[in-house]
Amino acid sequence: ALPISTPSPGPSPAVTDPVFQLDLFVNDPADGWQADGFPEYMEHSAAKYMNVAGISFIQPSDLMNAAYDLPAEVARAVQVLRSQGVAVVLLVGGQIATGWSQLQGNPETAAANAIALMKKYDCGIEVDNEDGGDTGGLIKFIQLCAAGRPSGTYITMDVGDRKSVV
């Protein structure tokens, strides 16, 4: 135990632009659009609650298809958030993701398609790979996306303590 006379630590350094990210589960891999993942208050007051929104989920296999686009409801949610000044990252992957081996085997194609989505919707991506796999392919995908992303957008990655997470 510390002696009672020990002073408490000083305050934390000031943070001028804290990140308050809220992940919105609006695109279920099996069931599509989830209206309850985008509550009504997000239509007009999202910036009161966050400055970054994670939009779940794009499957890695979707990024292998140049014709893939966000479902209309998901695209609208992204546009509503961006119009309020909220930064958006599209979450790629998730717990029941499909297609990581295809993405890691051809990171150039996946990155080109991810960059097209990022540019179209003025957003970044978040990699949520819970399968592990070819780290070289995943790193190449991230590097390409980071190099081609629109100015002012972000590339992020979820990491965890499972041995299978890269």
C-alpha atoms as a PDB file:
ATOM      1  CA  ALA A   1       0.000   0.000   0.000  1.00  0.00           C
ATOM      2  CA  LEU A   2       1.116   3.544  -0.693  1.00  0.00           C
ATOM      3  CA  PRO A   3       1.703   5.884   2.226  1.00  0.00           C
ATOM      4  CA  ILE A   4      -1.177   8.279   2.787  1.00  0.00           C
ATOM      5  CA  SER A   5       1.100  11.254   2.158  1.00  0.00           C
ATOM      6  CA  THR A   6       1.851  10.157  -1.436  1.00  0.00           C
ATOM      7  CA  PRO A   7       0.400  12.728  -3.821  1.00  0.00           C
ATOM      8  CA  SER A   8      -2.013  11.540  -6.468  1.00  0.00           C
ATOM      9  CA  PRO A   9      -0.845  11.628 -10.086  1.00  0.00           C
ATOM     10  CA  GLY A  10      -1.543  14.772 -12.077  1.00  0.00           C
ATOM     11  CA  PRO A  11      -4.284  14.970 -14.646  1.00  0.00           C
ATOM     12  CA  SER A  12      -3.909  13.208 -17.965  1.00  0.00           C
ATOM     13  CA  PRO A  13      -2.622  15.326 -20.835  1.00  0.00           C
ATOM     14  CA  ALA A  14      -5.363  17.231 -22.612  1.00  0.00           C
ATOM     15  CA  VAL A  15      -6.801  15.514 -25.669  1.00  0.00           C
ATOM     16  CA  THR A  16      -7.948  18.015 -28.239  1.00  0.00           C
ATOM     17  CA  ASP A  17      -9.766  15.628 -30.567  1.00  0.00           C
ATOM     18  CA  PRO A  18     -10.847  12.526 -28.667  1.00  0.00           C
ATOM     19  CA  VAL A  19     -12.218   9.662 -30.705  1.00  0.00           C
ATOM     20  CA  PHE A  20     -15.644   8.435 -29.725  1.00  0.00           C
ATOM     21  CA  GLN A  21     -16.359   5.535 -32.046  1.00  0.00           C
ATOM     22  CA  LEU A  22     -19.679   3.764 -32.051  1.00  0.00           C
ATOM     23  CA  ASP A  23     -19.995   0.605 -34.118  1.00  0.00           C
ATOM     24  CA  LEU A  24     -23.380   0.275 -35.753  1.00  0.00           C
ATOM     25  CA  PHE A  25     -24.503  -3.233 -36.661  1.00  0.00           C
ATOM     26  CA  VAL A  26     -26.607  -2.425 -39.693  1.00  0.00           C
ATOM     27  CA  ASN A  27     -25.569  -5.037 -42.278  1.00  0.00           C
ATOM     28  CA  ASP A  28     -25.904  -8.606 -41.020  1.00  0.00           C
ATOM     29  CA  PRO A  29     -23.917 -11.076 -43.161  1.00  0.00           C
ATOM     30  CA  ALA A  30     -26.895 -13.439 -43.346  1.00  0.00           C
ATOM     31  CA  ASP A  31     -29.916 -11.158 -42.992  1.00  0.00           C
ATOM     32  CA  GLY A  32     -28.889  -7.851 -44.586  1.00  0.00           C
ATOM     33  CA  TRP A  33     -30.135  -4.470 -43.344  1.00  0.00           C
ATOM     34  CA  GLN A  34     -30.802  -4.194 -39.608  1.00  0.00           C
ATOM     35  CA  ALA A  35     -32.991  -1.137 -39.036  1.00  0.00           C
ATOM     36  CA  ASP A  36     -32.549  -1.311 -35.262  1.00  0.00           C
ATOM     37  CA  GLY A  37     -28.803  -0.868 -35.782  1.00  0.00           C
ATOM     38  CA  PHE A  38     -29.438   2.679 -37.011  1.00  0.00           C
ATOM     39  CA  PRO A  39     -31.743   4.289 -34.439  1.00  0.00           C
ATOM     40  CA  GLU A  40     -33.875   7.276 -35.414  1.00  0.00           C
ATOM     41  CA  TYR A  41     -31.755   9.786 -33.484  1.00  0.00           C
ATOM     42  CA  MET A  42     -28.846   9.010 -35.838  1.00  0.00           C
ATOM     43  CA  GLU A  43     -30.788  10.734 -38.594  1.00  0.00           C
ATOM     44  CA  HIS A  44     -30.182  14.153 -37.027  1.00  0.00           C
ATOM     45  CA  SER A  45     -28.072  13.892 -33.857  1.00  0.00           C
ATOM     46  CA  ALA A  46     -25.306  11.345 -34.481  1.00  0.00           C
ATOM     47  CA  ALA A  47     -22.510  13.883 -33.902  1.00  0.00           C
ATOM     48  CA  LYS A  48     -23.721  14.350 -30.313  1.00  0.00           C
ATOM     49  CA  TYR A  49     -22.743  10.758 -29.559  1.00  0.00           C
ATOM     50  CA  MET A  50     -19.705  10.006 -31.721  1.00  0.00           C
ATOM     51  CA  ASN A  51     -17.219  11.456 -34.132  1.00  0.00           C
ATOM     52  CA  VAL A  52     -16.436   8.098 -35.771  1.00  0.00           C
ATOM     53  CA  ALA A  53     -18.950   5.441 -36.770  1.00  0.00           C
ATOM     54  CA  GLY A  54     -18.062   1.887 -37.647  1.00  0.00           C
ATOM     55  CA  ILE A  55     -20.556   0.423 -40.098  1.00  0.00           C
ATOM     56  CA  SER A  56     -20.767  -3.363 -39.788  1.00  0.00           C
ATOM     57  CA  PHE A  57     -20.232  -5.527 -41.962  1.00  0.00           C
ATOM     58  CA  ILE A  58     -18.748  -6.035 -45.402  1.00  0.00           C
ATOM     59  CA  GLN A  59     -17.613  -9.572 -46.098  1.00  0.00           C
ATOM     60  CA  PRO A  60     -14.036 -10.001 -47.359  1.00  0.00           C
ATOM     61  CA  SER A  61     -15.479 -12.060 -50.222  1.00  0.00           C
ATOM     62  CA  ASP A  62     -17.547  -9.006 -51.286  1.00  0.00           C
ATOM     63  CA  LEU A  63     -14.317  -7.114 -51.911  1.00  0.00           C
ATOM     64  CA  MET A  64     -13.318  -9.691 -54.518  1.00  0.00           C
ATOM     65  CA  ASN A  65     -16.203  -8.501 -56.731  1.00  0.00           C
ATOM     66  CA  ALA A  66     -15.660  -5.186 -58.553  1.00  0.00           C
ATOM     67  CA  ALA A  67     -19.448  -4.849 -58.954  1.00  0.00           C
ATOM     68  CA  TYR A  68     -20.103  -4.986 -55.189  1.00  0.00           C
ATOM     69  CA  ASP A  69     -21.692  -1.902 -53.663  1.00  0.00           C
ATOM     70  CA  LEU A  70     -23.115  -1.210 -50.247  1.00  0.00           C
ATOM     71  CA  PRO A  71     -26.766  -2.188 -49.880  1.00  0.00           C
ATOM     72  CA  ALA A  72     -28.951   0.904 -50.432  1.00  0.00           C
ATOM     73  CA  GLU A  73     -29.956   1.275 -46.756  1.00  0.00           C
ATOM     74  CA  VAL A  74     -26.342   0.950 -45.602  1.00  0.00           C
ATOM     75  CA  ALA A  75     -25.187   3.490 -48.202  1.00  0.00           C
ATOM     76  CA  ARG A  76     -27.860   5.894 -46.994  1.00  0.00           C
ATOM     77  CA  ALA A  77     -26.751   5.461 -43.359  1.00  0.00           C
ATOM     78  CA  VAL A  78     -23.158   6.276 -44.366  1.00  0.00           C
ATOM     79  CA  GLN A  79     -24.304   9.374 -46.254  1.00  0.00           C
ATOM     80  CA  VAL A  80     -26.461  10.556 -43.321  1.00  0.00           C
ATOM     81  CA  LEU A  81     -23.523  10.212 -40.934  1.00  0.00           C
ATOM     82  CA  ARG A  82     -21.061  11.911 -43.287  1.00  0.00           C
ATOM     83  CA  SER A  83     -23.496  14.820 -43.783  1.00  0.00           C
ATOM     84  CA  GLN A  84     -23.327  15.393 -40.004  1.00  0.00           C
ATOM     85  CA  GLY A  85     -19.519  15.454 -40.003  1.00  0.00           C
ATOM     86  CA  VAL A  86     -19.120  11.989 -38.509  1.00  0.00           C
ATOM     87  CA  ALA A  87     -16.152  10.042 -39.898  1.00  0.00           C
ATOM     88  CA  VAL A  88     -17.113   6.554 -41.071  1.00  0.00           C
ATOM     89  CA  VAL A  89     -15.152   3.317 -41.308  1.00  0.00           C
ATOM     90  CA  LEU A  90     -16.679   0.331 -43.091  1.00  0.00           C
ATOM     91  CA  LEU A  91     -16.002  -2.793 -41.030  1.00  0.00           C
ATOM     92  CA  VAL A  92     -14.631  -5.606 -43.163  1.00  0.00           C
ATOM     93  CA  GLY A  93     -14.949  -9.050 -41.630  1.00  0.00           C
ATOM     94  CA  GLY A  94     -16.423  -9.803 -38.258  1.00  0.00           C
ATOM     95  CA  GLN A  95     -16.962 -12.952 -36.263  1.00  0.00           C
ATOM     96  CA  ILE A  96     -18.741 -14.916 -39.002  1.00  0.00           C
ATOM     97  CA  ALA A  97     -16.900 -13.444 -41.977  1.00  0.00           C
ATOM     98  CA  THR A  98     -16.402 -15.298 -45.230  1.00  0.00           C
ATOM     99  CA  GLY A  99     -13.671 -14.862 -47.784  1.00  0.00           C
ATOM    100  CA  TRP A 100     -10.526 -14.010 -45.839  1.00  0.00           C
ATOM    101  CA  SER A 101      -8.480 -16.587 -47.756  1.00  0.00           C
ATOM    102  CA  GLN A 102      -9.594 -15.064 -51.090  1.00  0.00           C
ATOM    103  CA  LEU A 103      -8.783 -11.528 -49.905  1.00  0.00           C
ATOM    104  CA  GLN A 104      -5.398 -12.567 -48.532  1.00  0.00           C
ATOM    105  CA  GLY A 105      -4.642 -14.514 -51.710  1.00  0.00           C
ATOM    106  CA  ASN A 106      -5.370 -11.504 -53.924  1.00  0.00           C
ATOM    107  CA  PRO A 107      -4.945  -8.365 -51.828  1.00  0.00           C
ATOM    108  CA  GLU A 108      -4.539  -6.161 -54.902  1.00  0.00           C
ATOM    109  CA  THR A 109      -8.056  -6.900 -56.177  1.00  0.00           C
ATOM    110  CA  ALA A 110      -9.603  -6.598 -52.711  1.00  0.00           C
ATOM    111  CA  ALA A 111      -7.805  -3.303 -52.065  1.00  0.00           C
ATOM    112  CA  ALA A 112      -8.800  -1.829 -55.425  1.00  0.00           C
ATOM    113  CA  ASN A 113     -12.449  -2.587 -54.682  1.00  0.00           C
ATOM    114  CA  ALA A 114     -12.183  -1.345 -51.085  1.00  0.00           C
ATOM    115  CA  ILE A 115     -10.589   1.893 -52.299  1.00  0.00           C
ATOM    116  CA  ALA A 116     -13.421   2.368 -54.804  1.00  0.00           C
ATOM    117  CA  LEU A 117     -15.959   2.073 -51.933  1.00  0.00           C
ATOM    118  CA  MET A 118     -13.945   4.417 -49.727  1.00  0.00           C
ATOM    119  CA  LYS A 119     -13.805   7.028 -52.469  1.00  0.00           C
ATOM    120  CA  LYS A 120     -17.471   6.663 -53.394  1.00  0.00           C
ATOM    121  CA  TYR A 121     -18.649   7.085 -49.781  1.00  0.00           C
ATOM    122  CA  ASP A 122     -15.816   9.282 -48.419  1.00  0.00           C
ATOM    123  CA  CYS A 123     -15.002   6.826 -45.658  1.00  0.00           C
ATOM    124  CA  GLY A 124     -12.275   4.530 -44.398  1.00  0.00           C
ATOM    125  CA  ILE A 125     -12.238   0.876 -43.462  1.00  0.00           C
ATOM    126  CA  GLU A 126     -11.696  -1.151 -40.339  1.00  0.00           C
ATOM    127  CA  VAL A 127     -10.228  -4.631 -40.700  1.00  0.00           C
ATOM    128  CA  ASP A 128     -11.886  -7.101 -38.316  1.00  0.00           C
ATOM    129  CA  ASN A 129     -10.111 -10.377 -39.101  1.00  0.00           C
ATOM    130  CA  GLU A 130     -10.915 -12.993 -36.490  1.00  0.00           C
ATOM    131  CA  ASP A 131      -9.769 -15.885 -38.699  1.00  0.00           C
ATOM    132  CA  GLY A 132      -6.013 -15.285 -38.869  1.00  0.00           C
ATOM    133  CA  GLY A 133      -4.492 -16.689 -42.027  1.00  0.00           C
ATOM    134  CA  ASP A 134      -1.946 -15.210 -44.408  1.00  0.00           C
ATOM    135  CA  THR A 135      -0.613 -12.190 -42.577  1.00  0.00           C
ATOM    136  CA  GLY A 136       1.464 -11.198 -45.612  1.00  0.00           C
ATOM    137  CA  GLY A 137      -1.653 -10.933 -47.770  1.00  0.00           C
ATOM    138  CA  LEU A 138      -3.536  -9.044 -45.073  1.00  0.00           C
ATOM    139  CA  ILE A 139      -0.656  -6.623 -44.516  1.00  0.00           C
ATOM    140  CA  LYS A 140      -0.441  -5.985 -48.276  1.00  0.00           C
ATOM    141  CA  PHE A 141      -4.202  -5.302 -48.374  1.00  0.00           C
ATOM    142  CA  ILE A 142      -3.900  -2.790 -45.512  1.00  0.00           C
ATOM    143  CA  GLN A 143      -0.878  -1.092 -47.084  1.00  0.00           C
ATOM    144  CA  LEU A 144      -2.643  -0.717 -50.439  1.00  0.00           C
ATOM    145  CA  CYS A 145      -5.824   0.601 -48.817  1.00  0.00           C
ATOM    146  CA  ALA A 146      -3.839   3.082 -46.734  1.00  0.00           C
ATOM    147  CA  ALA A 147      -2.013   4.333 -49.824  1.00  0.00           C
ATOM    148  CA  GLY A 148      -5.208   4.727 -51.875  1.00  0.00           C
ATOM    149  CA  ARG A 149      -7.658   5.976 -49.263  1.00  0.00           C
ATOM    150  CA  PRO A 150      -9.337   9.353 -49.654  1.00  0.00           C
ATOM    151  CA  SER A 151      -7.737  12.226 -47.780  1.00  0.00           C
ATOM    152  CA  GLY A 152      -9.067  12.624 -44.265  1.00  0.00           C
ATOM    153  CA  THR A 153     -10.239   9.013 -43.915  1.00  0.00           C
ATOM    154  CA  TYR A 154      -8.870   6.270 -41.688  1.00  0.00           C
ATOM    155  CA  ILE A 155      -7.733   2.667 -41.851  1.00  0.00           C
ATOM    156  CA  THR A 156      -8.138   0.872 -38.528  1.00  0.00           C
ATOM    157  CA  MET A 157      -7.935  -2.697 -37.298  1.00  0.00           C
ATOM    158  CA  ASP A 158      -9.611  -4.579 -34.476  1.00  0.00           C
ATOM    159  CA  VAL A 159      -7.219  -6.771 -32.551  1.00  0.00           C
ATOM    160  CA  GLY A 160      -7.902  -9.213 -29.786  1.00  0.00           C
ATOM    161  CA  ASP A 161      -6.253 -11.772 -27.564  1.00  0.00           C
ATOM    162  CA  ARG A 162      -7.152 -14.886 -29.533  1.00  0.00           C
ATOM    163  CA  LYS A 163      -4.253 -16.806 -31.019  1.00  0.00           C
ATOM    164  CA  SER A 164      -5.998 -16.797 -34.414  1.00  0.00           C
ATOM    165  CA  VAL A 165      -6.136 -13.005 -34.660  1.00  0.00           C
ATOM    166  CA  VAL A 166      -3.440 -11.407 -36.808  1.00  0.00           C
END
